[in-house]
Each structure stands twice: as structure tokens, then as C-alpha cells.
Amino acid sequence: MAFAINHLWPGGTQEQYDATIAVVHPNGGADLPKGQLFHAAGPCEGG
């Protein structure tokens, strides 16, 4: 079963995002958790 997570982070900064991703996806994303195939992110209005 495939699923997606959509997260809005009001007021989040690029620096905060980078710090979070460094913990969640170490090694530049080369070591994704088992079963995760893809990660995408980008800015949006309000977050």
C-alpha cells in the first residue's frame, strides 16, 4: 500500500528543515528507512 504525508510547517525556516532532515534521513538521504522510496519537499505559501 502506498501513502503520502503532507506537512505544513508555518514559520519554518530552511535551516530548521535542513536540521530535521539531517536526523530523519542521514547520509544525504542515501539511507532512507526501510520501505521509503522517495522524499520531496518545497516551500509553499504560509509554510
PDB file of N, CA and C in Angstrom:
ATOM      1  N   MET A   1       0.836  -1.161   0.000  1.00  0.00           N
ATOM      2  CA  MET A   1       0.000   0.000   0.000  1.00  0.00           C
ATOM      3  C   MET A   1       0.891   1.236   0.000  1.00  0.00           C
ATOM      4  N   ALA A   2       0.600   2.157  -0.882  1.00  0.00           N
ATOM      5  CA  ALA A   2       1.341   3.415  -0.946  1.00  0.00           C
ATOM      6  C   ALA A   2       0.582   4.492  -0.186  1.00  0.00           C
ATOM      7  N   PHE A   3       1.338   5.385   0.420  1.00  0.00           N
ATOM      8  CA  PHE A   3       0.710   6.524   1.073  1.00  0.00           C
ATOM      9  C   PHE A   3       1.668   7.702   1.053  1.00  0.00           C
ATOM     10  N   ALA A   4       1.123   8.894   1.284  1.00  0.00           N
ATOM     11  CA  ALA A   4       1.919  10.118   1.306  1.00  0.00           C
ATOM     12  C   ALA A   4       1.589  10.903   2.569  1.00  0.00           C
ATOM     13  N   ILE A   5       2.550  11.664   3.018  1.00  0.00           N
ATOM     14  CA  ILE A   5       2.362  12.543   4.168  1.00  0.00           C
ATOM     15  C   ILE A   5       2.578  13.968   3.687  1.00  0.00           C
ATOM     16  N   ASN A   6       1.618  14.814   3.965  1.00  0.00           N
ATOM     17  CA  ASN A   6       1.709  16.227   3.618  1.00  0.00           C
ATOM     18  C   ASN A   6       1.794  17.008   4.918  1.00  0.00           C
ATOM     19  N   HIS A   7       2.838  17.794   5.068  1.00  0.00           N
ATOM     20  CA  HIS A   7       3.069  18.501   6.325  1.00  0.00           C
ATOM     21  C   HIS A   7       3.241  19.987   6.042  1.00  0.00           C
ATOM     22  N   LEU A   8       2.487  20.830   6.740  1.00  0.00           N
ATOM     23  CA  LEU A   8       2.639  22.277   6.653  1.00  0.00           C
ATOM     24  C   LEU A   8       3.305  22.761   7.931  1.00  0.00           C
ATOM     25  N   TRP A   9       4.387  23.498   7.814  1.00  0.00           N
ATOM     26  CA  TRP A   9       5.167  23.959   8.944  1.00  0.00           C
ATOM     27  C   TRP A   9       5.168  25.489   8.938  1.00  0.00           C
ATOM     28  N   PRO A  10       4.100  26.119   9.459  1.00  0.00           N
ATOM     29  CA  PRO A  10       4.015  27.583   9.441  1.00  0.00           C
ATOM     30  C   PRO A  10       5.216  28.222  10.135  1.00  0.00           C
ATOM     31  N   GLY A  11       5.878  29.127   9.454  1.00  0.00           N
ATOM     32  CA  GLY A  11       7.020  29.832  10.016  1.00  0.00           C
ATOM     33  C   GLY A  11       8.314  29.046  10.000  1.00  0.00           C
ATOM     34  N   GLY A  12       8.282  27.821   9.487  1.00  0.00           N
ATOM     35  CA  GLY A  12       9.500  27.011   9.440  1.00  0.00           C
ATOM     36  C   GLY A  12      10.538  27.633   8.523  1.00  0.00           C
ATOM     37  N   THR A  13      11.786  27.535   8.913  1.00  0.00           N
ATOM     38  CA  THR A  13      12.876  28.088   8.111  1.00  0.00           C
ATOM     39  C   THR A  13      13.621  26.978   7.377  1.00  0.00           C
ATOM     40  N   GLN A  14      14.379  27.361   6.386  1.00  0.00           N
ATOM     41  CA  GLN A  14      15.208  26.396   5.652  1.00  0.00           C
ATOM     42  C   GLN A  14      16.194  25.713   6.592  1.00  0.00           C
ATOM     43  N   GLU A  15      16.758  26.488   7.512  1.00  0.00           N
ATOM     44  CA  GLU A  15      17.725  25.939   8.457  1.00  0.00           C
ATOM     45  C   GLU A  15      17.079  24.885   9.363  1.00  0.00           C
ATOM     46  N   GLN A  16      15.849  25.142   9.823  1.00  0.00           N
ATOM     47  CA  GLN A  16      15.143  24.168  10.659  1.00  0.00           C
ATOM     48  C   GLN A  16      14.834  22.898   9.870  1.00  0.00           C
ATOM     49  N   TYR A  17      14.397  23.069   8.636  1.00  0.00           N
ATOM     50  CA  TYR A  17      14.108  21.917   7.788  1.00  0.00           C
ATOM     51  C   TYR A  17      15.375  21.086   7.576  1.00  0.00           C
ATOM     52  N   ASP A  18      16.472  21.751   7.223  1.00  0.00           N
ATOM     53  CA  ASP A  18      17.731  21.033   6.984  1.00  0.00           C
ATOM     54  C   ASP A  18      18.174  20.252   8.216  1.00  0.00           C
ATOM     55  N   ALA A  19      18.033  20.845   9.400  1.00  0.00           N
ATOM     56  CA  ALA A  19      18.429  20.167  10.641  1.00  0.00           C
ATOM     57  C   ALA A  19      17.550  18.941  10.887  1.00  0.00           C
ATOM     58  N   THR A  20      16.264  19.067  10.619  1.00  0.00           N
ATOM     59  CA  THR A  20      15.335  17.947  10.800  1.00  0.00           C
ATOM     60  C   THR A  20      15.654  16.813   9.831  1.00  0.00           C
ATOM     61  N   ILE A  21      15.857  17.152   8.574  1.00  0.00           N
ATOM     62  CA  ILE A  21      16.142  16.141   7.557  1.00  0.00           C
ATOM     63  C   ILE A  21      17.461  15.426   7.844  1.00  0.00           C
ATOM     64  N   ALA A  22      18.433  16.142   8.388  1.00  0.00           N
ATOM     65  CA  ALA A  22      19.712  15.516   8.728  1.00  0.00           C
ATOM     66  C   ALA A  22      19.538  14.395   9.742  1.00  0.00           C
ATOM     67  N   VAL A  23      18.521  14.498  10.597  1.00  0.00           N
ATOM     68  CA  VAL A  23      18.248  13.457  11.593  1.00  0.00           C
ATOM     69  C   VAL A  23      17.378  12.350  11.001  1.00  0.00           C
ATOM     70  N   VAL A  24      16.349  12.738  10.272  1.00  0.00           N
ATOM     71  CA  VAL A  24      15.384  11.772   9.744  1.00  0.00           C
ATOM     72  C   VAL A  24      15.961  10.979   8.574  1.00  0.00           C
ATOM     73  N   HIS A  25      16.734  11.631   7.731  1.00  0.00           N
ATOM     74  CA  HIS A  25      17.322  11.000   6.542  1.00  0.00           C
ATOM     75  C   HIS A  25      18.831  11.212   6.547  1.00  0.00           C
ATOM     76  N   PRO A  26      19.546  10.502   7.416  1.00  0.00           N
ATOM     77  CA  PRO A  26      21.003  10.689   7.469  1.00  0.00           C
ATOM     78  C   PRO A  26      21.686  10.265   6.175  1.00  0.00           C
ATOM     79  N   ASN A  27      22.920  10.669   6.043  1.00  0.00           N
ATOM     80  CA  ASN A  27      23.744  10.311   4.885  1.00  0.00           C
ATOM     81  C   ASN A  27      23.167  10.885   3.593  1.00  0.00           C
ATOM     82  N   GLY A  28      22.661  12.117   3.686  1.00  0.00           N
ATOM     83  CA  GLY A  28      22.159  12.794   2.488  1.00  0.00           C
ATOM     84  C   GLY A  28      20.980  12.106   1.838  1.00  0.00           C
ATOM     85  N   GLY A  29      20.239  11.317   2.592  1.00  0.00           N
ATOM     86  CA  GLY A  29      19.089  10.606   2.046  1.00  0.00           C
ATOM     87  C   GLY A  29      19.427   9.252   1.453  1.00  0.00           C
ATOM     88  N   ALA A  30      20.699   8.896   1.466  1.00  0.00           N
ATOM     89  CA  ALA A  30      21.098   7.605   0.907  1.00  0.00           C
ATOM     90  C   ALA A  30      20.623   6.448   1.780  1.00  0.00           C
ATOM     91  N   ASP A  31      20.349   6.719   3.048  1.00  0.00           N
ATOM     92  CA  ASP A  31      19.912   5.672   3.975  1.00  0.00           C
ATOM     93  C   ASP A  31      18.467   5.905   4.395  1.00  0.00           C
ATOM     94  N   LEU A  32      17.549   5.884   3.442  1.00  0.00           N
ATOM     95  CA  LEU A  32      16.137   6.057   3.765  1.00  0.00           C
ATOM     96  C   LEU A  32      15.652   4.873   4.592  1.00  0.00           C
ATOM     97  N   PRO A  33      14.660   5.097   5.431  1.00  0.00           N
ATOM     98  CA  PRO A  33      14.115   3.991   6.215  1.00  0.00           C
ATOM     99  C   PRO A  33      13.576   2.882   5.307  1.00  0.00           C
ATOM    100  N   LYS A  34      13.593   1.668   5.788  1.00  0.00           N
ATOM    101  CA  LYS A  34      13.111   0.524   5.018  1.00  0.00           C
ATOM    102  C   LYS A  34      11.701   0.815   4.513  1.00  0.00           C
ATOM    103  N   GLY A  35      11.486   0.620   3.237  1.00  0.00           N
ATOM    104  CA  GLY A  35      10.181   0.817   2.625  1.00  0.00           C
ATOM    105  C   GLY A  35       9.966   2.204   2.051  1.00  0.00           C
ATOM    106  N   GLN A  36      10.762   3.174   2.474  1.00  0.00           N
ATOM    107  CA  GLN A  36      10.600   4.518   1.916  1.00  0.00           C
ATOM    108  C   GLN A  36      11.397   4.597   0.634  1.00  0.00           C
ATOM    109  N   LEU A  37      10.727   5.023  -0.424  1.00  0.00           N
ATOM    110  CA  LEU A  37      11.368   5.082  -1.724  1.00  0.00           C
ATOM    111  C   LEU A  37      11.702   6.496  -2.172  1.00  0.00           C
ATOM    112  N   PHE A  38      11.032   7.489  -1.580  1.00  0.00           N
ATOM    113  CA  PHE A  38      11.125   8.836  -2.129  1.00  0.00           C
ATOM    114  C   PHE A  38      10.846   9.867  -1.053  1.00  0.00           C
ATOM    115  N   HIS A  39      11.494  11.019  -1.159  1.00  0.00           N
ATOM    116  CA  HIS A  39      11.208  12.153  -0.282  1.00  0.00           C
ATOM    117  C   HIS A  39      11.262  13.407  -1.145  1.00  0.00           C
ATOM    118  N   ALA A  40      10.261  14.239  -1.047  1.00  0.00           N
ATOM    119  CA  ALA A  40      10.239  15.515  -1.756  1.00  0.00           C
ATOM    120  C   ALA A  40       9.751  16.591  -0.821  1.00  0.00           C
ATOM    121  N   ALA A  41      10.224  17.806  -1.012  1.00  0.00           N
ATOM    122  CA  ALA A  41       9.804  18.918  -0.176  1.00  0.00           C
ATOM    123  C   ALA A  41       9.984  20.211  -0.934  1.00  0.00           C
ATOM    124  N   GLY A  42       9.290  21.224  -0.482  1.00  0.00           N
ATOM    125  CA  GLY A  42       9.447  22.536  -1.076  1.00  0.00           C
ATOM    126  C   GLY A  42       8.619  23.559  -0.324  1.00  0.00           C
ATOM    127  N   PRO A  43       8.930  24.819  -0.554  1.00  0.00           N
ATOM    128  CA  PRO A  43       8.205  25.881   0.130  1.00  0.00           C
ATOM    129  C   PRO A  43       6.803  26.055  -0.439  1.00  0.00           C
ATOM    130  N   CYS A  44       5.914  26.584   0.402  1.00  0.00           N
ATOM    131  CA  CYS A  44       4.567  26.915  -0.041  1.00  0.00           C
ATOM    132  C   CYS A  44       4.102  28.147   0.718  1.00  0.00           C
ATOM    133  N   GLU A  45       3.073  28.767   0.253  1.00  0.00           N
ATOM    134  CA  GLU A  45       2.549  29.946   0.913  1.00  0.00           C
ATOM    135  C   GLU A  45       2.166  29.603   2.350  1.00  0.00           C
ATOM    136  N   GLY A  46       2.711  30.332   3.298  1.00  0.00           N
ATOM    137  CA  GLY A  46       2.390  30.120   4.704  1.00  0.00           C
ATOM    138  C   GLY A  46       3.211  29.075   5.411  1.00  0.00           C
ATOM    139  N   GLY A  47       4.125  28.432   4.708  1.00  0.00           N
ATOM    140  CA  GLY A  47       4.919  27.407   5.378  1.00  0.00           C
ATOM    141  C   GLY A  47       6.088  26.956   4.579  1.00  0.00           C
TER     142      GLY A  47
END
